[in-house]
Amino acid sequence: MKKSVRGKYHTGLQPIRVLKHNLTDRLLSRSKEFIELLQKDLQLSEHINYISYPLPLINKQTPYVDKDGMIYIHETYLSYLWIISFSMFVLYEEGMAIPDQIKREISTHKSQNIELIELTEELFDYAKSLVRAYSKWDTEYFPNPEIFDENTDEGFYILRANDLYVEAMNFILFHEIAHAELEHIKTRGENNLKGDRVKALEIEADSRAISLLLENCRKPFVSHLAIVVGLASMLFVSHDLSGGSDHPDVDVRIENALDLIKPSEDSPIWAFLVLFLKLWDKQFSHNFVTSTHYNNFKELYYELLEQGKQINKWS
C-alpha cells in the first residue's frame, strides 16, 4: 500500500520537496567545518535559496551561486534530476543487468519487471518535457519520492534513487560552493573573462567538487555514479554536446570526472554512460551506429561518443 512520507516542513510545489532537507543534512554531515569556515569568511551564504516556481528548466531553473555566495536551487531542476536518477537505475538494472544475467544463466535477485520499465520510460519522457514546458508531476500514476510502497519493485528503486539523487545534488552543491571558495565570479568580472577562460573555471569547480565529495563518502561507487549522473543528465537538454558560451561541452566535463574517479574497465559506470548516450540518441534521432564487436561497455561508450561529437561539428 502506498503511503505519503511528507511532513509539515516539506514545503514546495513538487513531490521532490520531501528530500529538500536531506540535501543539506548530508552536505553538513560530511563538510560542516569547511562550509562554516567559508561562511565565516563571507564567501558563502548561511542559507541555500530553495525556489519553488512552476517553471521549466529553460526559465533559468538550474543551480547557480551569486557574487554574495548565495546558492540557488530550483524545484523543477531537482525533480528533473531525481527522475533521471530513478530512470537510470531502473533501466540499467531491469533493462540491462537482469537480462544479461538471465542470458548468461546467472542467478538473479529478482525477475525482470517489464511493466516497471515501460512506466519508467514514460516518467523519463515527463522529465525531458520539463526542459521546455512545466506540467504537474502525476504522483498517483508515476513513481515519485513522496508517495510510494517500499515493499514493491517501484519502492525498492525509489529508495535507492533517493540516495543517488541526494549524492548527485551534493556534487552539484559542491560545484557551486567551489565557485564561491575559489572566487570565480570575482575573477571572471575583474578580468573580463570569456570563452575558454570561463570554461576552465567550470572544470576547476567540477574537479574541486569531486574532491570534496570523495573526501567523505560512505559508498565510493554511489558517489562516482552520482557525479556521472549529475553531469550526464544535461545531455537531454540539448541535441548536441555543446555547453554553450559559459560551460565546457558535456563530454569534456564527463571526461574530466572520469580522469579523477578512474573507474575500472568493467565498472558499471561505463554501462550507465552507454545508456545515457543511447537514450540521448533515441531522443534526438541521431541514428548512432552500434558495432556488434566491442570488448566492454567502455569501448562502446567511446564509440558512441565519437559519433556524438560529430553532431557538434556539423549542426
Protein backbone atom coordinates (compact mmCIF):
# COMPACT_ATOMS: atom_id res chain seq x y z
CA MET A 1 0.00 0.00 0.00
CA LYS A 2 1.32 3.42 -0.96
CA LYS A 3 1.99 5.88 1.84
CA SER A 4 2.98 9.54 1.88
CA VAL A 5 6.24 10.45 3.61
CA ARG A 6 5.56 14.19 3.50
CA GLY A 7 5.96 16.08 6.77
CA LYS A 8 4.91 19.60 7.76
CA TYR A 9 8.35 21.02 6.96
CA HIS A 10 8.35 19.64 3.42
CA THR A 11 7.24 22.86 1.76
CA GLY A 12 7.17 23.28 -2.01
CA LEU A 13 5.05 22.54 -5.07
CA GLN A 14 6.57 19.29 -6.31
CA PRO A 15 6.99 15.89 -4.59
CA ILE A 16 10.77 16.29 -4.59
CA ARG A 17 10.15 18.60 -1.59
CA VAL A 18 10.35 15.59 0.75
CA LEU A 19 14.11 15.35 0.12
CA LYS A 20 14.95 19.06 0.46
CA HIS A 21 16.43 18.70 3.95
CA ASN A 22 18.31 15.53 3.02
CA LEU A 23 20.45 17.60 0.65
CA THR A 24 21.77 19.96 3.31
CA ASP A 25 21.87 17.34 6.09
CA ARG A 26 24.22 15.16 4.08
CA LEU A 27 26.28 18.15 2.94
CA LEU A 28 26.81 19.31 6.52
CA SER A 29 27.46 15.81 7.83
CA ARG A 30 30.44 15.47 5.50
CA SER A 31 31.82 19.05 5.35
CA LYS A 32 30.38 21.14 8.19
CA GLU A 33 33.69 22.71 9.30
CA PHE A 34 34.70 23.58 5.74
CA ILE A 35 31.32 25.17 4.98
CA GLU A 36 31.26 27.13 8.24
CA LEU A 37 34.75 28.46 7.51
CA LEU A 38 33.59 29.76 4.11
CA GLN A 39 30.56 31.34 5.78
CA LYS A 40 32.75 32.96 8.43
CA ASP A 41 34.96 34.40 5.69
CA LEU A 42 31.81 35.72 3.96
CA GLN A 43 32.50 33.63 0.85
CA LEU A 44 29.35 31.57 1.27
CA SER A 45 25.87 32.47 2.48
CA GLU A 46 24.47 30.74 5.57
CA HIS A 47 21.42 29.66 3.60
CA ILE A 48 20.55 27.99 0.31
CA ASN A 49 17.72 29.66 -1.58
CA TYR A 50 15.18 26.92 -2.42
CA ILE A 51 12.91 28.17 -5.20
CA SER A 52 9.57 26.58 -5.99
CA TYR A 53 8.09 28.02 -9.13
CA PRO A 54 6.03 26.11 -11.72
CA LEU A 55 8.58 26.88 -14.45
CA PRO A 56 10.56 24.79 -16.99
CA LEU A 57 14.34 24.44 -16.89
CA ILE A 58 14.87 26.92 -19.73
CA ASN A 59 13.45 29.67 -17.49
CA LYS A 60 16.72 29.83 -15.53
CA GLN A 61 15.73 26.98 -13.22
CA THR A 62 19.19 25.40 -12.93
CA PRO A 63 21.51 25.80 -9.89
CA TYR A 64 23.87 28.76 -9.55
CA VAL A 65 25.72 30.84 -6.96
CA ASP A 66 25.74 34.63 -6.97
CA LYS A 67 28.51 37.11 -6.12
CA ASP A 68 27.42 37.15 -2.46
CA GLY A 69 27.81 33.40 -2.08
CA MET A 70 24.09 32.62 -2.13
CA ILE A 71 23.33 29.28 -3.81
CA TYR A 72 20.04 28.96 -5.66
CA ILE A 73 18.36 25.61 -6.35
CA HIS A 74 15.04 25.20 -8.12
CA GLU A 75 12.39 22.53 -7.65
CA THR A 76 11.93 21.82 -11.34
CA TYR A 77 15.62 21.03 -11.71
CA LEU A 78 15.52 18.88 -8.58
CA SER A 79 12.54 16.97 -9.96
CA TYR A 80 14.33 16.53 -13.28
CA LEU A 81 17.48 15.18 -11.62
CA TRP A 82 15.56 12.79 -9.35
CA ILE A 83 13.68 11.33 -12.29
CA ILE A 84 16.92 10.91 -14.25
CA SER A 85 18.44 9.15 -11.22
CA PHE A 86 15.43 6.84 -10.85
CA SER A 87 15.15 6.16 -14.58
CA MET A 88 18.82 5.28 -14.99
CA PHE A 89 18.69 2.95 -12.00
CA VAL A 90 15.62 1.09 -13.29
CA LEU A 91 16.63 0.99 -16.95
CA TYR A 92 20.12 -0.24 -16.08
CA GLU A 93 19.00 -2.92 -13.62
CA GLU A 94 15.79 -4.06 -15.31
CA GLY A 95 16.75 -3.36 -18.91
CA MET A 96 20.44 -4.31 -18.94
CA ALA A 97 21.78 -6.11 -15.85
CA ILE A 98 18.98 -8.61 -15.18
CA PRO A 99 18.52 -9.64 -18.86
CA ASP A 100 22.29 -10.09 -19.13
CA GLN A 101 22.33 -12.32 -16.05
CA ILE A 102 19.45 -14.38 -17.41
CA LYS A 103 21.20 -14.72 -20.78
CA ARG A 104 24.37 -15.96 -19.08
CA GLU A 105 22.34 -18.26 -16.81
CA ILE A 106 23.44 -16.40 -13.68
CA SER A 107 21.07 -16.38 -10.71
CA THR A 108 19.23 -13.04 -10.34
CA HIS A 109 17.90 -11.44 -7.16
CA LYS A 110 14.55 -10.85 -8.88
CA SER A 111 12.70 -11.38 -12.14
CA GLN A 112 12.60 -8.68 -14.79
CA ASN A 113 9.73 -6.19 -14.37
CA ILE A 114 8.65 -5.18 -17.89
CA GLU A 115 5.73 -3.12 -16.59
CA LEU A 116 8.07 -1.01 -14.45
CA ILE A 117 10.42 -0.49 -17.41
CA GLU A 118 7.53 0.85 -19.50
CA LEU A 119 6.30 3.11 -16.68
CA THR A 120 9.85 4.39 -16.15
CA GLU A 121 10.18 5.22 -19.83
CA GLU A 122 7.00 7.31 -19.55
CA LEU A 123 8.37 9.03 -16.45
CA PHE A 124 11.63 9.72 -18.27
CA ASP A 125 9.63 11.36 -21.09
CA TYR A 126 7.98 13.56 -18.47
CA ALA A 127 11.40 14.62 -17.16
CA LYS A 128 12.52 15.62 -20.65
CA SER A 129 9.32 17.64 -21.12
CA LEU A 130 10.25 19.74 -18.07
CA VAL A 131 13.13 21.25 -20.03
CA ARG A 132 10.79 23.39 -22.12
CA ALA A 133 7.33 23.19 -20.54
CA TYR A 134 6.29 22.80 -16.92
CA SER A 135 3.50 20.39 -16.04
CA LYS A 136 2.44 18.80 -12.77
CA TRP A 137 4.04 15.53 -11.66
CA ASP A 138 1.23 12.94 -11.52
CA THR A 139 2.03 11.27 -8.20
CA GLU A 140 -0.89 8.86 -8.46
CA TYR A 141 0.47 7.39 -11.69
CA PHE A 142 4.22 7.99 -11.77
CA PRO A 143 6.92 6.83 -9.35
CA ASN A 144 7.97 9.66 -7.02
CA PRO A 145 9.79 10.13 -3.71
CA GLU A 146 6.74 11.33 -1.78
CA ILE A 147 4.06 8.64 -2.19
CA PHE A 148 5.09 5.01 -2.65
CA ASP A 149 5.04 1.46 -1.30
CA GLU A 150 8.55 0.45 -0.29
CA ASN A 151 7.62 -3.24 -0.47
CA THR A 152 7.18 -3.14 -4.26
CA ASP A 153 9.78 -3.11 -7.04
CA GLU A 154 8.93 0.55 -7.57
CA GLY A 155 9.53 1.34 -3.91
CA PHE A 156 12.80 -0.62 -3.95
CA TYR A 157 14.14 1.61 -6.72
CA ILE A 158 12.70 4.81 -5.24
CA LEU A 159 14.68 4.37 -2.03
CA ARG A 160 17.88 3.74 -3.97
CA ALA A 161 17.19 6.60 -6.38
CA ASN A 162 16.71 8.89 -3.37
CA ASP A 163 20.23 8.07 -2.18
CA LEU A 164 21.74 8.51 -5.65
CA TYR A 165 19.87 11.79 -6.19
CA VAL A 166 20.97 13.28 -2.85
CA GLU A 167 24.58 12.35 -3.63
CA ALA A 168 24.31 13.84 -7.15
CA MET A 169 22.91 17.05 -5.68
CA ASN A 170 25.72 17.15 -3.13
CA PHE A 171 28.16 17.07 -6.04
CA ILE A 172 26.27 19.90 -7.73
CA LEU A 173 26.13 21.93 -4.50
CA PHE A 174 29.86 21.38 -4.01
CA HIS A 175 30.35 22.68 -7.57
CA GLU A 176 28.63 25.93 -6.61
CA ILE A 177 30.49 26.05 -3.29
CA ALA A 178 33.75 25.66 -5.23
CA HIS A 179 32.87 28.70 -7.34
CA ALA A 180 32.46 30.66 -4.09
CA GLU A 181 35.59 29.26 -2.43
CA LEU A 182 37.78 29.90 -5.48
CA GLU A 183 36.21 33.35 -6.06
CA HIS A 184 35.39 32.55 -9.67
CA ILE A 185 32.71 35.21 -10.04
CA LYS A 186 35.10 37.90 -8.82
CA THR A 187 37.91 36.58 -11.06
CA ARG A 188 35.64 36.50 -14.07
CA GLY A 189 34.39 40.04 -13.54
CA GLU A 190 37.72 41.69 -12.72
CA ASN A 191 39.50 40.08 -15.66
CA ASN A 192 36.59 40.22 -18.11
CA LEU A 193 36.99 36.51 -18.82
CA LYS A 194 35.19 34.96 -21.77
CA GLY A 195 35.12 31.78 -23.82
CA ASP A 196 37.64 29.09 -22.93
CA ARG A 197 38.90 31.01 -19.90
CA VAL A 198 35.41 30.93 -18.37
CA LYS A 199 35.00 27.26 -19.26
CA ALA A 200 38.28 26.50 -17.49
CA LEU A 201 36.73 27.84 -14.27
CA GLU A 202 33.87 25.35 -14.65
CA ILE A 203 36.30 22.45 -14.99
CA GLU A 204 38.15 23.72 -11.92
CA ALA A 205 34.86 23.85 -9.99
CA ASP A 206 33.97 20.32 -11.13
CA SER A 207 37.36 19.00 -10.03
CA ARG A 208 37.13 20.69 -6.65
CA ALA A 209 33.56 19.41 -6.18
CA ILE A 210 34.66 15.85 -6.93
CA SER A 211 37.49 16.16 -4.42
CA LEU A 212 35.12 17.47 -1.73
CA LEU A 213 32.54 14.78 -2.43
CA LEU A 214 35.04 11.93 -2.28
CA GLU A 215 36.84 13.20 0.84
CA ASN A 216 33.98 11.86 2.92
CA CYS A 217 31.73 9.37 1.15
CA ARG A 218 30.02 6.26 2.51
CA LYS A 219 29.96 4.29 -0.72
CA PRO A 220 32.57 5.28 -3.35
CA PHE A 221 30.70 3.64 -6.23
CA VAL A 222 27.48 5.54 -5.42
CA SER A 223 29.47 8.78 -5.26
CA HIS A 224 31.19 8.02 -8.58
CA LEU A 225 27.85 7.22 -10.21
CA ALA A 226 26.29 10.37 -8.71
CA ILE A 227 28.99 12.51 -10.32
CA VAL A 228 28.33 10.91 -13.70
CA VAL A 229 24.56 11.29 -13.33
CA GLY A 230 24.93 14.92 -12.29
CA LEU A 231 26.95 15.72 -15.41
CA ALA A 232 25.38 13.40 -17.99
CA SER A 233 21.83 14.42 -17.02
CA MET A 234 22.34 17.61 -19.03
CA LEU A 235 22.57 15.58 -22.25
CA PHE A 236 18.79 15.58 -22.53
CA VAL A 237 18.60 19.38 -22.55
CA SER A 238 20.18 19.79 -25.99
CA HIS A 239 20.55 17.88 -29.27
CA ASP A 240 24.34 18.32 -29.20
CA LEU A 241 27.14 18.15 -26.63
CA SER A 242 27.77 21.89 -26.55
CA GLY A 243 27.88 23.57 -23.16
CA GLY A 244 27.27 26.95 -24.72
CA SER A 245 29.40 30.07 -24.23
CA ASP A 246 29.99 29.63 -20.48
CA HIS A 247 30.32 25.88 -19.92
CA PRO A 248 32.53 23.17 -21.44
CA ASP A 249 30.88 20.56 -23.66
CA VAL A 250 29.15 17.83 -21.67
CA ASP A 251 31.60 15.14 -22.81
CA VAL A 252 34.57 17.28 -21.75
CA ARG A 253 33.17 17.60 -18.23
CA ILE A 254 32.42 13.87 -18.08
CA GLU A 255 35.94 13.03 -19.28
CA ASN A 256 37.45 15.27 -16.61
CA ALA A 257 35.38 13.43 -14.00
CA LEU A 258 36.41 10.02 -15.35
CA ASP A 259 40.07 11.05 -15.16
CA LEU A 260 39.57 11.78 -11.46
CA ILE A 261 37.38 8.85 -10.37
CA LYS A 262 39.21 6.33 -12.57
CA PRO A 263 36.53 3.62 -12.98
CA SER A 264 37.85 0.14 -13.72
CA GLU A 265 37.45 -1.38 -17.20
CA ASP A 266 34.49 -3.47 -16.01
CA SER A 267 32.85 -0.82 -13.81
CA PRO A 268 29.06 -0.41 -14.27
CA ILE A 269 29.83 3.31 -14.72
CA TRP A 270 30.56 2.57 -18.40
CA ALA A 271 27.25 0.77 -18.87
CA PHE A 272 25.43 3.75 -17.36
CA LEU A 273 27.26 6.09 -19.74
CA VAL A 274 26.30 3.90 -22.70
CA LEU A 275 22.69 4.01 -21.50
CA PHE A 276 22.83 7.82 -21.29
CA LEU A 277 24.13 8.08 -24.86
CA LYS A 278 21.63 5.59 -26.25
CA LEU A 279 18.71 7.43 -24.64
CA TRP A 280 20.06 10.74 -25.93
CA ASP A 281 20.45 9.20 -29.39
CA LYS A 282 16.84 7.98 -29.28
CA GLN A 283 15.55 11.34 -28.03
CA PHE A 284 17.05 13.35 -30.88
CA SER A 285 17.11 10.64 -33.60
CA HIS A 286 20.87 10.86 -34.13
CA ASN A 287 20.84 7.31 -35.50
CA PHE A 288 24.13 6.22 -33.98
CA VAL A 289 25.60 3.06 -35.47
CA THR A 290 26.46 0.45 -32.84
CA SER A 291 29.20 -2.03 -33.59
CA THR A 292 28.45 -5.67 -32.89
CA HIS A 293 32.08 -6.20 -31.90
CA TYR A 294 33.17 -4.44 -28.74
CA ASN A 295 35.06 -5.85 -25.77
CA ASN A 296 33.33 -3.92 -23.00
CA PHE A 297 31.00 -1.01 -22.28
CA LYS A 298 33.93 1.39 -22.01
CA GLU A 299 34.85 0.67 -25.61
CA LEU A 300 31.22 1.05 -26.70
CA TYR A 301 30.88 4.34 -24.82
CA TYR A 302 33.75 5.94 -26.69
CA GLU A 303 32.49 4.52 -29.99
CA LEU A 304 29.09 6.17 -29.45
CA LEU A 305 30.64 9.34 -28.06
CA GLU A 306 32.76 9.83 -31.16
CA GLN A 307 29.56 9.87 -33.22
CA GLY A 308 28.02 12.34 -30.75
CA LYS A 309 30.96 14.71 -31.20
CA GLN A 310 30.30 14.89 -34.94
CA ILE A 311 26.90 16.44 -34.24
CA ASN A 312 28.63 19.46 -32.69
CA LYS A 313 30.76 19.89 -35.79
CA TRP A 314 28.01 19.74 -38.38
CA SER A 315 24.88 21.04 -36.63
